[in-house]
Amino acid sequence: MTMGKIIFYEDRNFQGRSYEASSDCSDMSSYLSRCHSCRVESGCFMLYDRPNYMGNQYFVRRGEYSDYQRMGMSDCIRSSRMIPMYKGNYRMRIYERENFGGQMHELMDDCDNMMDRYRMSDCQSCNVMDGHWLMYEQPHYRGRQMYMRPGEYKSFREMGMSNMKFMSMKRIMDSSY
């Protein structure tokens, strides 16, 4: 299994002090006073603009990310989570309402527009049975993102996503690495 490796930098364009990580980091301030750029050498990571994996999220894979603002971060990078490599089936149930209520659909592949595909205008809870997924607030994998790993998510509102509607979903596949 390939481990991920990411290097964080205090300033834009990979300048200033740096910190290298190969696992989750719940609070970047333990290592850097701020984090404005990063370089992913291997693997995939979710970046967050608040400590403890909260706030706006941004998916990164191998490559260079020279400016946190271009990633949609309102503040600098404050925490990161490594996304484990996964080989297997993908399966997720999405629900129209909280607590797995209302209309339900099961996904086993990407969905670029939930409204067109299922005539479902909102998704407020889900159950990820297999694989790792990214949910996007706009169709065609655009807008703010949320990382979903296997588990039950009974209320996106209670997770701090009360003003977001998820309109597309994408599997994080081996090709992402």
N, C-alpha and C. Protein backbone atom coordinates (compact mmCIF):
# COMPACT_ATOMS: atom_id res chain seq x y z
N MET A 1 0.84 -1.19 0.00
CA MET A 1 0.00 0.00 0.00
C MET A 1 0.88 1.24 0.00
N THR A 2 0.62 2.14 -0.92
CA THR A 2 1.40 3.36 -1.05
C THR A 2 0.97 4.36 0.01
N MET A 3 1.93 4.90 0.70
CA MET A 3 1.65 5.94 1.70
C MET A 3 1.65 7.29 1.01
N GLY A 4 0.89 8.20 1.53
CA GLY A 4 0.87 9.54 1.00
C GLY A 4 1.97 10.39 1.62
N LYS A 5 2.38 11.40 0.90
CA LYS A 5 3.39 12.33 1.41
C LYS A 5 3.04 13.72 0.90
N ILE A 6 2.94 14.67 1.84
CA ILE A 6 2.60 16.05 1.52
C ILE A 6 3.56 16.97 2.28
N ILE A 7 3.95 18.06 1.65
CA ILE A 7 4.82 19.05 2.29
C ILE A 7 4.06 20.37 2.32
N PHE A 8 3.91 20.92 3.52
CA PHE A 8 3.21 22.18 3.72
C PHE A 8 4.24 23.30 3.88
N TYR A 9 3.90 24.49 3.39
CA TYR A 9 4.79 25.65 3.47
C TYR A 9 4.05 26.82 4.10
N GLU A 10 4.76 27.61 4.89
CA GLU A 10 4.13 28.75 5.55
C GLU A 10 3.63 29.80 4.57
N ASP A 11 4.38 30.03 3.52
CA ASP A 11 4.03 31.10 2.59
C ASP A 11 3.60 30.56 1.22
N ARG A 12 3.03 31.44 0.43
CA ARG A 12 2.66 31.09 -0.94
C ARG A 12 3.91 30.71 -1.72
N ASN A 13 3.69 29.99 -2.82
CA ASN A 13 4.78 29.60 -3.73
C ASN A 13 5.89 28.81 -3.05
N PHE A 14 5.51 27.98 -2.08
CA PHE A 14 6.44 27.04 -1.44
C PHE A 14 7.60 27.73 -0.74
N GLN A 15 7.32 28.86 -0.13
CA GLN A 15 8.34 29.63 0.57
C GLN A 15 8.14 29.51 2.08
N GLY A 16 9.15 29.87 2.82
CA GLY A 16 9.08 29.84 4.28
C GLY A 16 9.34 28.46 4.85
N ARG A 17 9.11 28.34 6.14
CA ARG A 17 9.32 27.05 6.80
C ARG A 17 8.39 26.01 6.21
N SER A 18 8.78 24.74 6.34
CA SER A 18 7.96 23.66 5.79
C SER A 18 7.76 22.56 6.83
N TYR A 19 6.75 21.76 6.58
CA TYR A 19 6.44 20.61 7.42
C TYR A 19 6.00 19.47 6.51
N GLU A 20 6.58 18.30 6.68
CA GLU A 20 6.28 17.13 5.87
C GLU A 20 5.39 16.18 6.67
N ALA A 21 4.36 15.63 6.00
CA ALA A 21 3.43 14.72 6.69
C ALA A 21 3.12 13.51 5.81
N SER A 22 2.88 12.39 6.47
CA SER A 22 2.46 11.16 5.79
C SER A 22 1.21 10.58 6.45
N SER A 23 0.55 11.39 7.27
CA SER A 23 -0.67 10.95 7.95
C SER A 23 -1.53 12.18 8.26
N ASP A 24 -2.61 11.96 8.97
CA ASP A 24 -3.52 13.04 9.33
C ASP A 24 -2.83 14.05 10.23
N CYS A 25 -3.25 15.30 10.11
CA CYS A 25 -2.74 16.37 10.99
C CYS A 25 -3.95 17.22 11.40
N SER A 26 -4.36 17.11 12.66
CA SER A 26 -5.58 17.78 13.12
C SER A 26 -5.39 19.27 13.39
N ASP A 27 -4.13 19.72 13.57
CA ASP A 27 -3.89 21.14 13.83
C ASP A 27 -2.51 21.52 13.33
N MET A 28 -2.47 22.19 12.21
CA MET A 28 -1.22 22.58 11.57
C MET A 28 -0.42 23.56 12.42
N SER A 29 -1.08 24.31 13.31
CA SER A 29 -0.37 25.31 14.11
C SER A 29 0.66 24.68 15.05
N SER A 30 0.58 23.37 15.24
CA SER A 30 1.59 22.69 16.05
C SER A 30 2.95 22.68 15.33
N TYR A 31 2.92 22.85 14.00
CA TYR A 31 4.15 22.75 13.20
C TYR A 31 4.51 24.03 12.47
N LEU A 32 3.50 24.80 12.05
CA LEU A 32 3.72 26.03 11.30
C LEU A 32 2.79 27.12 11.82
N SER A 33 3.25 28.37 11.79
CA SER A 33 2.39 29.46 12.26
C SER A 33 1.23 29.72 11.29
N ARG A 34 1.42 29.37 10.03
CA ARG A 34 0.37 29.47 9.01
C ARG A 34 0.77 28.52 7.88
N CYS A 35 -0.15 28.23 6.99
CA CYS A 35 0.16 27.36 5.86
C CYS A 35 -0.57 27.88 4.63
N HIS A 36 0.20 28.36 3.66
CA HIS A 36 -0.39 28.98 2.48
C HIS A 36 -0.13 28.24 1.17
N SER A 37 0.67 27.17 1.19
CA SER A 37 0.89 26.38 -0.02
C SER A 37 1.32 24.97 0.37
N CYS A 38 1.23 24.05 -0.60
CA CYS A 38 1.64 22.67 -0.32
C CYS A 38 2.02 21.97 -1.62
N ARG A 39 2.77 20.92 -1.45
CA ARG A 39 3.20 20.07 -2.56
C ARG A 39 2.87 18.62 -2.18
N VAL A 40 2.07 17.94 -2.99
CA VAL A 40 1.72 16.55 -2.73
C VAL A 40 2.66 15.68 -3.56
N GLU A 41 3.49 14.91 -2.88
CA GLU A 41 4.44 14.04 -3.57
C GLU A 41 3.83 12.69 -3.91
N SER A 42 2.91 12.21 -3.09
CA SER A 42 2.20 10.96 -3.37
C SER A 42 0.93 10.91 -2.55
N GLY A 43 -0.03 10.13 -3.03
CA GLY A 43 -1.28 9.97 -2.31
C GLY A 43 -2.28 11.08 -2.57
N CYS A 44 -3.36 11.05 -1.80
CA CYS A 44 -4.43 12.05 -1.87
C CYS A 44 -4.73 12.53 -0.45
N PHE A 45 -5.08 13.81 -0.33
CA PHE A 45 -5.37 14.40 0.96
C PHE A 45 -6.57 15.33 0.84
N MET A 46 -7.28 15.51 1.95
CA MET A 46 -8.29 16.56 2.08
C MET A 46 -7.66 17.63 2.95
N LEU A 47 -7.76 18.87 2.52
CA LEU A 47 -7.26 20.00 3.29
C LEU A 47 -8.45 20.76 3.85
N TYR A 48 -8.27 21.32 5.04
CA TYR A 48 -9.35 22.03 5.73
C TYR A 48 -8.84 23.39 6.19
N ASP A 49 -9.72 24.41 6.18
CA ASP A 49 -9.29 25.74 6.61
C ASP A 49 -9.57 26.01 8.09
N ARG A 50 -9.93 24.96 8.84
CA ARG A 50 -10.07 25.05 10.29
C ARG A 50 -9.44 23.82 10.92
N PRO A 51 -9.00 23.93 12.16
CA PRO A 51 -8.43 22.75 12.84
C PRO A 51 -9.48 21.64 12.99
N ASN A 52 -9.00 20.45 13.29
CA ASN A 52 -9.85 19.29 13.56
C ASN A 52 -10.77 18.93 12.39
N TYR A 53 -10.26 19.10 11.17
CA TYR A 53 -10.95 18.67 9.96
C TYR A 53 -12.31 19.34 9.79
N MET A 54 -12.35 20.62 10.08
CA MET A 54 -13.59 21.40 9.98
C MET A 54 -13.40 22.50 8.94
N GLY A 55 -14.51 23.12 8.56
CA GLY A 55 -14.49 24.25 7.63
C GLY A 55 -14.49 23.81 6.18
N ASN A 56 -14.09 24.72 5.32
CA ASN A 56 -14.03 24.41 3.89
C ASN A 56 -13.02 23.31 3.64
N GLN A 57 -13.34 22.45 2.67
CA GLN A 57 -12.48 21.31 2.36
C GLN A 57 -12.01 21.42 0.91
N TYR A 58 -10.82 20.88 0.67
CA TYR A 58 -10.29 20.89 -0.69
C TYR A 58 -9.49 19.61 -0.91
N PHE A 59 -9.83 18.89 -1.97
CA PHE A 59 -9.18 17.64 -2.33
C PHE A 59 -7.91 17.92 -3.14
N VAL A 60 -6.79 17.31 -2.73
CA VAL A 60 -5.54 17.44 -3.48
C VAL A 60 -4.95 16.07 -3.74
N ARG A 61 -4.33 15.95 -4.90
CA ARG A 61 -3.59 14.74 -5.28
C ARG A 61 -2.21 15.19 -5.73
N ARG A 62 -1.40 14.27 -6.19
CA ARG A 62 -0.03 14.58 -6.59
C ARG A 62 0.01 15.86 -7.43
N GLY A 63 0.82 16.82 -6.98
CA GLY A 63 0.93 18.09 -7.68
C GLY A 63 1.33 19.21 -6.74
N GLU A 64 1.37 20.41 -7.30
CA GLU A 64 1.77 21.60 -6.55
C GLU A 64 0.58 22.55 -6.42
N TYR A 65 0.42 23.08 -5.23
CA TYR A 65 -0.67 23.99 -4.91
C TYR A 65 -0.04 25.24 -4.28
N SER A 66 0.21 26.24 -5.11
CA SER A 66 1.04 27.37 -4.72
C SER A 66 0.34 28.44 -3.89
N ASP A 67 -1.01 28.43 -3.84
CA ASP A 67 -1.72 29.50 -3.14
C ASP A 67 -3.03 28.97 -2.55
N TYR A 68 -3.16 29.01 -1.25
CA TYR A 68 -4.35 28.49 -0.57
C TYR A 68 -5.64 29.16 -1.04
N GLN A 69 -5.59 30.42 -1.44
CA GLN A 69 -6.81 31.12 -1.85
C GLN A 69 -7.36 30.56 -3.16
N ARG A 70 -6.49 30.08 -4.04
CA ARG A 70 -6.95 29.49 -5.30
C ARG A 70 -7.66 28.16 -5.05
N MET A 71 -7.47 27.58 -3.88
CA MET A 71 -8.12 26.33 -3.53
C MET A 71 -9.50 26.57 -2.91
N GLY A 72 -9.87 27.83 -2.72
CA GLY A 72 -11.16 28.15 -2.14
C GLY A 72 -11.14 28.23 -0.62
N MET A 73 -9.94 28.28 -0.05
CA MET A 73 -9.82 28.39 1.40
C MET A 73 -10.05 29.84 1.81
N SER A 74 -10.88 30.06 2.81
CA SER A 74 -11.11 31.41 3.30
C SER A 74 -10.00 31.84 4.25
N ASP A 75 -9.33 30.89 4.81
CA ASP A 75 -8.22 31.12 5.71
C ASP A 75 -7.12 30.15 5.26
N CYS A 76 -5.98 30.19 5.90
CA CYS A 76 -4.92 29.27 5.50
C CYS A 76 -5.29 27.82 5.86
N ILE A 77 -4.51 26.89 5.38
CA ILE A 77 -4.74 25.47 5.66
C ILE A 77 -4.47 25.23 7.14
N ARG A 78 -5.43 24.65 7.85
CA ARG A 78 -5.31 24.44 9.30
C ARG A 78 -5.22 22.97 9.70
N SER A 79 -5.72 22.06 8.85
CA SER A 79 -5.63 20.62 9.13
C SER A 79 -5.71 19.85 7.82
N SER A 80 -5.27 18.59 7.87
CA SER A 80 -5.31 17.75 6.66
C SER A 80 -5.57 16.30 7.04
N ARG A 81 -6.19 15.59 6.13
CA ARG A 81 -6.50 14.19 6.35
C ARG A 81 -6.03 13.40 5.12
N MET A 82 -5.24 12.35 5.35
CA MET A 82 -4.81 11.49 4.26
C MET A 82 -5.97 10.57 3.88
N ILE A 83 -6.20 10.44 2.59
CA ILE A 83 -7.25 9.55 2.11
C ILE A 83 -6.59 8.22 1.76
N PRO A 84 -6.96 7.15 2.44
CA PRO A 84 -6.31 5.86 2.17
C PRO A 84 -6.64 5.34 0.78
N MET A 85 -5.68 4.65 0.20
CA MET A 85 -5.92 4.02 -1.10
C MET A 85 -6.96 2.93 -0.91
N TYR A 86 -7.87 2.83 -1.85
CA TYR A 86 -8.95 1.87 -1.74
C TYR A 86 -9.11 1.13 -3.06
N LYS A 87 -9.14 -0.18 -2.99
CA LYS A 87 -9.43 -1.01 -4.16
C LYS A 87 -10.62 -1.87 -3.81
N GLY A 88 -11.67 -1.71 -4.52
CA GLY A 88 -12.87 -2.49 -4.25
C GLY A 88 -14.08 -1.82 -4.85
N ASN A 89 -15.25 -2.27 -4.42
CA ASN A 89 -16.50 -1.72 -4.92
C ASN A 89 -16.79 -0.40 -4.22
N TYR A 90 -17.62 0.41 -4.86
CA TYR A 90 -18.07 1.68 -4.30
C TYR A 90 -19.58 1.61 -4.18
N ARG A 91 -20.07 2.02 -3.00
CA ARG A 91 -21.51 2.00 -2.79
C ARG A 91 -21.88 3.03 -1.74
N MET A 92 -22.84 3.88 -2.09
CA MET A 92 -23.32 4.91 -1.18
C MET A 92 -24.81 5.11 -1.41
N ARG A 93 -25.55 5.28 -0.33
CA ARG A 93 -26.98 5.62 -0.40
C ARG A 93 -27.13 7.08 -0.02
N ILE A 94 -27.82 7.82 -0.85
CA ILE A 94 -28.09 9.23 -0.56
C ILE A 94 -29.58 9.37 -0.24
N TYR A 95 -29.88 10.27 0.70
CA TYR A 95 -31.25 10.47 1.16
C TYR A 95 -31.62 11.94 1.05
N GLU A 96 -32.85 12.15 0.70
CA GLU A 96 -33.39 13.50 0.52
C GLU A 96 -33.44 14.29 1.82
N ARG A 97 -33.70 13.61 2.93
CA ARG A 97 -33.85 14.30 4.22
C ARG A 97 -32.89 13.74 5.26
N GLU A 98 -32.80 14.44 6.37
CA GLU A 98 -31.97 14.01 7.48
C GLU A 98 -32.46 12.67 8.02
N ASN A 99 -31.58 12.00 8.76
CA ASN A 99 -31.90 10.72 9.39
C ASN A 99 -32.40 9.67 8.39
N PHE A 100 -31.84 9.71 7.19
CA PHE A 100 -32.12 8.72 6.15
C PHE A 100 -33.59 8.71 5.74
N GLY A 101 -34.19 9.90 5.72
CA GLY A 101 -35.60 10.02 5.35
C GLY A 101 -35.80 10.46 3.91
N GLY A 102 -37.03 10.31 3.46
CA GLY A 102 -37.40 10.76 2.11
C GLY A 102 -36.88 9.83 1.03
N GLN A 103 -36.81 10.38 -0.15
CA GLN A 103 -36.35 9.63 -1.32
C GLN A 103 -34.93 9.11 -1.08
N MET A 104 -34.64 7.86 -1.53
CA MET A 104 -33.32 7.27 -1.37
C MET A 104 -32.87 6.72 -2.72
N HIS A 105 -31.57 6.89 -3.00
CA HIS A 105 -30.98 6.30 -4.20
C HIS A 105 -29.63 5.72 -3.83
N GLU A 106 -29.32 4.60 -4.45
CA GLU A 106 -28.02 3.95 -4.21
C GLU A 106 -27.10 4.21 -5.40
N LEU A 107 -25.90 4.69 -5.11
CA LEU A 107 -24.91 4.97 -6.13
C LEU A 107 -23.79 3.96 -6.05
N MET A 108 -23.32 3.55 -7.22
CA MET A 108 -22.15 2.68 -7.30
C MET A 108 -21.12 3.29 -8.25
N ASP A 109 -21.49 4.43 -8.83
CA ASP A 109 -20.58 5.14 -9.72
C ASP A 109 -20.80 6.65 -9.54
N ASP A 110 -20.02 7.45 -10.26
CA ASP A 110 -20.10 8.90 -10.14
C ASP A 110 -21.47 9.40 -10.60
N CYS A 111 -21.89 10.52 -10.04
CA CYS A 111 -23.14 11.17 -10.43
C CYS A 111 -22.84 12.64 -10.66
N ASP A 112 -22.85 13.09 -11.91
CA ASP A 112 -22.47 14.47 -12.20
C ASP A 112 -23.60 15.48 -11.99
N ASN A 113 -24.84 14.99 -11.88
CA ASN A 113 -25.95 15.91 -11.62
C ASN A 113 -27.11 15.13 -10.98
N MET A 114 -27.23 15.28 -9.69
CA MET A 114 -28.23 14.55 -8.92
C MET A 114 -29.66 14.90 -9.36
N MET A 115 -29.89 16.15 -9.69
CA MET A 115 -31.23 16.58 -10.11
C MET A 115 -31.61 15.93 -11.44
N ASP A 116 -30.71 15.94 -12.41
CA ASP A 116 -31.02 15.33 -13.71
C ASP A 116 -31.18 13.81 -13.60
N ARG A 117 -30.33 13.19 -12.83
CA ARG A 117 -30.32 11.73 -12.75
C ARG A 117 -31.46 11.16 -11.91
N TYR A 118 -31.73 11.80 -10.77
CA TYR A 118 -32.71 11.23 -9.83
C TYR A 118 -33.93 12.13 -9.57
N ARG A 119 -33.95 13.32 -10.15
CA ARG A 119 -35.02 14.30 -9.86
C ARG A 119 -35.08 14.57 -8.36
N MET A 120 -33.92 14.64 -7.77
CA MET A 120 -33.78 14.87 -6.32
C MET A 120 -33.09 16.22 -6.14
N SER A 121 -33.77 17.16 -5.50
CA SER A 121 -33.23 18.52 -5.40
C SER A 121 -32.37 18.75 -4.16
N ASP A 122 -32.36 17.80 -3.24
CA ASP A 122 -31.57 17.99 -2.03
C ASP A 122 -31.12 16.63 -1.50
N CYS A 123 -29.99 16.64 -0.84
CA CYS A 123 -29.44 15.46 -0.18
C CYS A 123 -28.99 15.91 1.20
N GLN A 124 -29.64 15.40 2.26
CA GLN A 124 -29.33 15.86 3.60
C GLN A 124 -28.72 14.80 4.50
N SER A 125 -28.62 13.55 3.99
CA SER A 125 -27.96 12.50 4.75
C SER A 125 -27.51 11.42 3.77
N CYS A 126 -26.56 10.58 4.23
CA CYS A 126 -26.10 9.49 3.37
C CYS A 126 -25.46 8.40 4.21
N ASN A 127 -25.32 7.24 3.58
CA ASN A 127 -24.65 6.11 4.20
C ASN A 127 -23.63 5.60 3.18
N VAL A 128 -22.35 5.77 3.51
CA VAL A 128 -21.29 5.28 2.63
C VAL A 128 -20.95 3.87 3.09
N MET A 129 -21.30 2.90 2.26
CA MET A 129 -21.04 1.51 2.61
C MET A 129 -19.65 1.07 2.15
N ASP A 130 -19.25 1.49 0.96
CA ASP A 130 -17.96 1.07 0.40
C ASP A 130 -17.29 2.23 -0.33
N GLY A 131 -16.00 2.36 -0.13
CA GLY A 131 -15.21 3.35 -0.86
C GLY A 131 -15.17 4.71 -0.20
N HIS A 132 -14.48 5.61 -0.85
CA HIS A 132 -14.32 6.99 -0.40
C HIS A 132 -14.87 7.88 -1.51
N TRP A 133 -15.65 8.89 -1.12
CA TRP A 133 -16.37 9.73 -2.06
C TRP A 133 -16.12 11.21 -1.79
N LEU A 134 -16.27 12.01 -2.84
CA LEU A 134 -16.32 13.47 -2.72
C LEU A 134 -17.71 13.91 -3.13
N MET A 135 -18.31 14.78 -2.31
CA MET A 135 -19.60 15.35 -2.66
C MET A 135 -19.36 16.83 -2.96
N TYR A 136 -20.04 17.33 -3.98
CA TYR A 136 -19.86 18.71 -4.44
C TYR A 136 -21.19 19.45 -4.35
N GLU A 137 -21.12 20.75 -4.07
CA GLU A 137 -22.34 21.53 -3.92
C GLU A 137 -22.96 21.92 -5.25
N GLN A 138 -22.25 21.78 -6.36
CA GLN A 138 -22.79 22.12 -7.67
C GLN A 138 -22.69 20.92 -8.61
N PRO A 139 -23.53 20.89 -9.63
CA PRO A 139 -23.41 19.82 -10.62
C PRO A 139 -22.04 19.83 -11.31
N HIS A 140 -21.68 18.72 -11.90
CA HIS A 140 -20.44 18.57 -12.66
C HIS A 140 -19.19 18.77 -11.82
N TYR A 141 -19.28 18.37 -10.54
CA TYR A 141 -18.13 18.33 -9.63
C TYR A 141 -17.50 19.70 -9.44
N ARG A 142 -18.33 20.69 -9.18
CA ARG A 142 -17.85 22.05 -8.94
C ARG A 142 -18.32 22.55 -7.58
N GLY A 143 -17.69 23.61 -7.13
CA GLY A 143 -18.08 24.23 -5.88
C GLY A 143 -17.40 23.58 -4.69
N ARG A 144 -17.89 23.92 -3.52
CA ARG A 144 -17.30 23.39 -2.29
C ARG A 144 -17.45 21.87 -2.24
N GLN A 145 -16.52 21.24 -1.54
CA GLN A 145 -16.45 19.78 -1.50
C GLN A 145 -16.58 19.27 -0.07
N MET A 146 -16.99 18.01 0.04
CA MET A 146 -16.99 17.34 1.33
C MET A 146 -16.56 15.90 1.12
N TYR A 147 -15.58 15.46 1.91
CA TYR A 147 -15.04 14.11 1.85
C TYR A 147 -15.90 13.19 2.70
N MET A 148 -16.30 12.06 2.11
CA MET A 148 -17.13 11.09 2.80
C MET A 148 -16.40 9.75 2.80
N ARG A 149 -16.05 9.27 3.97
CA ARG A 149 -15.46 7.93 4.08
C ARG A 149 -16.54 6.99 4.59
N PRO A 150 -16.30 5.69 4.61
CA PRO A 150 -17.35 4.77 5.04
C PRO A 150 -17.93 5.13 6.41
N GLY A 151 -19.25 5.15 6.47
CA GLY A 151 -19.95 5.48 7.70
C GLY A 151 -21.32 6.06 7.42
N GLU A 152 -22.06 6.31 8.49
CA GLU A 152 -23.39 6.91 8.39
C GLU A 152 -23.31 8.39 8.70
N TYR A 153 -23.94 9.19 7.86
CA TYR A 153 -23.98 10.64 8.02
C TYR A 153 -25.45 11.04 8.09
N LYS A 154 -25.98 11.14 9.32
CA LYS A 154 -27.41 11.34 9.53
C LYS A 154 -27.89 12.76 9.26
N SER A 155 -26.97 13.75 9.37
CA SER A 155 -27.39 15.13 9.20
C SER A 155 -26.22 15.99 8.77
N PHE A 156 -26.24 16.45 7.52
CA PHE A 156 -25.18 17.34 7.06
C PHE A 156 -25.26 18.67 7.80
N ARG A 157 -26.47 19.08 8.17
CA ARG A 157 -26.66 20.34 8.90
C ARG A 157 -25.91 20.29 10.23
N GLU A 158 -26.05 19.18 10.95
CA GLU A 158 -25.36 19.04 12.23
C GLU A 158 -23.84 18.92 12.07
N MET A 159 -23.40 18.60 10.87
CA MET A 159 -21.96 18.53 10.59
C MET A 159 -21.41 19.91 10.22
N GLY A 160 -22.26 20.93 10.27
CA GLY A 160 -21.82 22.28 9.93
C GLY A 160 -22.01 22.62 8.46
N MET A 161 -22.78 21.83 7.75
CA MET A 161 -23.00 22.05 6.32
C MET A 161 -24.42 22.50 6.04
N SER A 162 -25.00 23.31 6.94
CA SER A 162 -26.41 23.67 6.83
C SER A 162 -26.73 24.50 5.60
N ASN A 163 -25.78 25.25 5.09
CA ASN A 163 -26.07 26.09 3.94
C ASN A 163 -25.61 25.47 2.62
N MET A 164 -25.24 24.20 2.64
CA MET A 164 -24.78 23.54 1.42
C MET A 164 -25.81 22.54 0.92
N LYS A 165 -25.95 22.50 -0.38
CA LYS A 165 -26.74 21.46 -1.04
C LYS A 165 -25.75 20.68 -1.88
N PHE A 166 -25.81 19.38 -1.81
CA PHE A 166 -24.90 18.55 -2.61
C PHE A 166 -25.61 18.15 -3.89
N MET A 167 -24.97 18.43 -5.02
CA MET A 167 -25.59 18.20 -6.31
C MET A 167 -24.84 17.20 -7.20
N SER A 168 -23.61 16.81 -6.81
CA SER A 168 -22.88 15.79 -7.57
C SER A 168 -21.95 15.03 -6.63
N MET A 169 -21.64 13.79 -6.98
CA MET A 169 -20.81 12.91 -6.16
C MET A 169 -19.82 12.19 -7.04
N LYS A 170 -18.59 12.02 -6.55
CA LYS A 170 -17.54 11.36 -7.33
C LYS A 170 -16.76 10.41 -6.43
N ARG A 171 -16.44 9.24 -6.96
CA ARG A 171 -15.64 8.27 -6.24
C ARG A 171 -14.17 8.70 -6.26
N ILE A 172 -13.47 8.50 -5.15
CA ILE A 172 -12.03 8.72 -5.14
C ILE A 172 -11.41 7.38 -5.49
N MET A 173 -10.88 7.29 -6.69
CA MET A 173 -10.41 6.02 -7.22
C MET A 173 -8.89 5.96 -7.26
N ASP A 174 -8.35 4.77 -7.46
CA ASP A 174 -6.91 4.58 -7.54
C ASP A 174 -6.27 5.53 -8.54
N SER A 175 -6.98 5.86 -9.61
CA SER A 175 -6.43 6.77 -10.62
C SER A 175 -6.23 8.17 -10.06
N SER A 176 -6.88 8.48 -8.90
CA SER A 176 -6.69 9.78 -8.26
C SER A 176 -5.31 9.92 -7.69
N TYR A 177 -4.66 8.78 -7.42
CA TYR A 177 -3.35 8.79 -6.82
C TYR A 177 -2.35 9.00 -7.91
